[in-house]
Amino acid sequence: MIQPDVLRCSVLHVDRFGNLISNLTRQRFEEHLNTSKQQQFVLRVGQYNVPKLSNSYAEGEKGELIALFGSSGLLEFSVNQGMLPNWLRLDLGEYLFKVA
């Protein structure tokens, strides 16, 4: 189902630290946000909401799910001091979240 104010991305890669690397660029995210009616976002990964974008991995508390744009410019999801794929059980190519 296509929803007009929802942006989806999928898992491209799981790095050696267990971070999920998406196919969503910062530019595409910002373009979507700027053209959105509400200009707000909710990041949803599986059944979990991520309330904000972090600037670094260190911003998260131990075990906290965080989202940030990595050095590649792609949106990444991580669990501070944890392995996200084991936590969420997502596979490559699977949709990660929506921005609404």
Protein backbone atom coordinates (compact mmCIF):
# COMPACT_ATOMS: atom_id res chain seq x y z
CA MET A 1 0.00 0.00 0.00
CA ILE A 2 1.39 3.40 -0.99
CA GLN A 3 0.85 6.22 1.47
CA PRO A 4 1.50 9.75 0.19
CA ASP A 5 3.46 11.08 3.16
CA VAL A 6 5.49 7.95 3.92
CA LEU A 7 9.06 7.30 2.83
CA ARG A 8 10.37 3.75 3.03
CA CYS A 9 13.86 2.36 2.88
CA SER A 10 15.40 -1.07 3.01
CA VAL A 11 18.45 -2.75 4.48
CA LEU A 12 21.45 -2.65 2.13
CA HIS A 13 24.11 -3.96 4.44
CA VAL A 14 24.84 -5.11 7.96
CA ASP A 15 28.29 -3.92 9.00
CA ARG A 16 30.74 -5.80 11.23
CA PHE A 17 29.40 -3.98 14.30
CA GLY A 18 25.83 -5.13 13.63
CA ASN A 19 24.57 -1.74 12.40
CA LEU A 20 21.91 -1.77 9.71
CA ILE A 21 22.82 0.43 6.75
CA SER A 22 19.82 1.61 4.76
CA ASN A 23 19.47 2.86 1.21
CA LEU A 24 18.15 6.26 2.35
CA THR A 25 20.44 9.25 1.82
CA ARG A 26 20.42 12.35 3.98
CA GLN A 27 19.51 14.40 0.89
CA ARG A 28 16.45 12.26 0.08
CA PHE A 29 15.35 12.31 3.74
CA GLU A 30 15.62 16.11 3.93
CA GLU A 31 13.81 16.56 0.59
CA HIS A 32 10.97 14.38 1.82
CA LEU A 33 10.80 16.20 5.14
CA ASN A 34 10.79 19.62 3.44
CA THR A 35 7.90 18.66 1.17
CA SER A 36 5.91 16.90 3.89
CA LYS A 37 2.75 18.59 5.10
CA GLN A 38 3.70 18.24 8.76
CA GLN A 39 7.50 18.56 8.39
CA GLN A 40 7.88 16.09 11.24
CA PHE A 41 9.07 12.53 11.21
CA VAL A 42 8.76 9.26 13.04
CA LEU A 43 11.37 6.61 12.34
CA ARG A 44 9.95 3.14 12.68
CA VAL A 45 12.20 0.08 12.62
CA GLY A 46 10.24 -3.12 12.75
CA GLN A 47 7.89 -2.53 15.68
CA TYR A 48 10.08 0.10 17.36
CA ASN A 49 10.00 3.89 17.07
CA VAL A 50 13.18 5.94 17.08
CA PRO A 51 12.28 9.36 18.47
CA LYS A 52 15.13 11.38 16.94
CA LEU A 53 18.22 11.34 14.80
CA SER A 54 21.49 11.09 16.72
CA ASN A 55 24.71 12.81 15.73
CA SER A 56 26.96 9.95 16.84
CA TYR A 57 26.83 6.41 18.17
CA ALA A 58 27.93 7.67 21.58
CA GLU A 59 24.67 9.59 22.07
CA GLY A 60 22.71 6.44 22.80
CA GLU A 61 22.39 4.81 26.20
CA LYS A 62 23.52 1.18 26.49
CA GLY A 63 20.94 -0.97 24.69
CA GLU A 64 19.16 2.02 23.12
CA LEU A 65 18.04 1.93 19.49
CA ILE A 66 19.43 4.93 17.62
CA ALA A 67 19.38 6.29 14.07
CA LEU A 68 21.97 8.50 12.44
CA PHE A 69 23.44 9.37 9.08
CA GLY A 70 26.81 7.64 8.86
CA SER A 71 29.97 8.75 7.10
CA SER A 72 28.61 7.26 3.85
CA GLY A 73 25.65 9.66 4.00
CA LEU A 74 23.20 6.78 4.43
CA LEU A 75 20.80 6.37 7.31
CA GLU A 76 22.03 3.77 9.80
CA PHE A 77 20.34 2.08 12.72
CA SER A 78 22.21 0.75 15.71
CA VAL A 79 21.80 -0.51 19.24
CA ASN A 80 24.39 1.03 21.52
CA GLN A 81 26.69 -1.80 22.63
CA GLY A 82 24.45 -4.38 20.95
CA MET A 83 23.85 -6.22 17.69
CA LEU A 84 20.77 -4.85 15.96
CA PRO A 85 20.13 -7.70 13.49
CA ASN A 86 19.85 -10.17 16.39
CA TRP A 87 17.54 -7.77 18.19
CA LEU A 88 15.16 -7.06 15.27
CA ARG A 89 15.66 -10.14 13.11
CA LEU A 90 15.57 -8.21 9.83
CA ASP A 91 17.10 -9.48 6.60
CA LEU A 92 18.83 -7.69 3.73
CA GLY A 93 16.34 -6.02 1.41
CA GLU A 94 13.66 -5.90 4.06
CA TYR A 95 11.93 -2.61 4.73
CA LEU A 96 13.29 -0.94 7.79
CA PHE A 97 11.11 1.97 8.63
CA LYS A 98 8.86 4.69 7.46
CA VAL A 99 9.14 8.43 7.76
CA ALA A 100 5.76 10.03 8.23
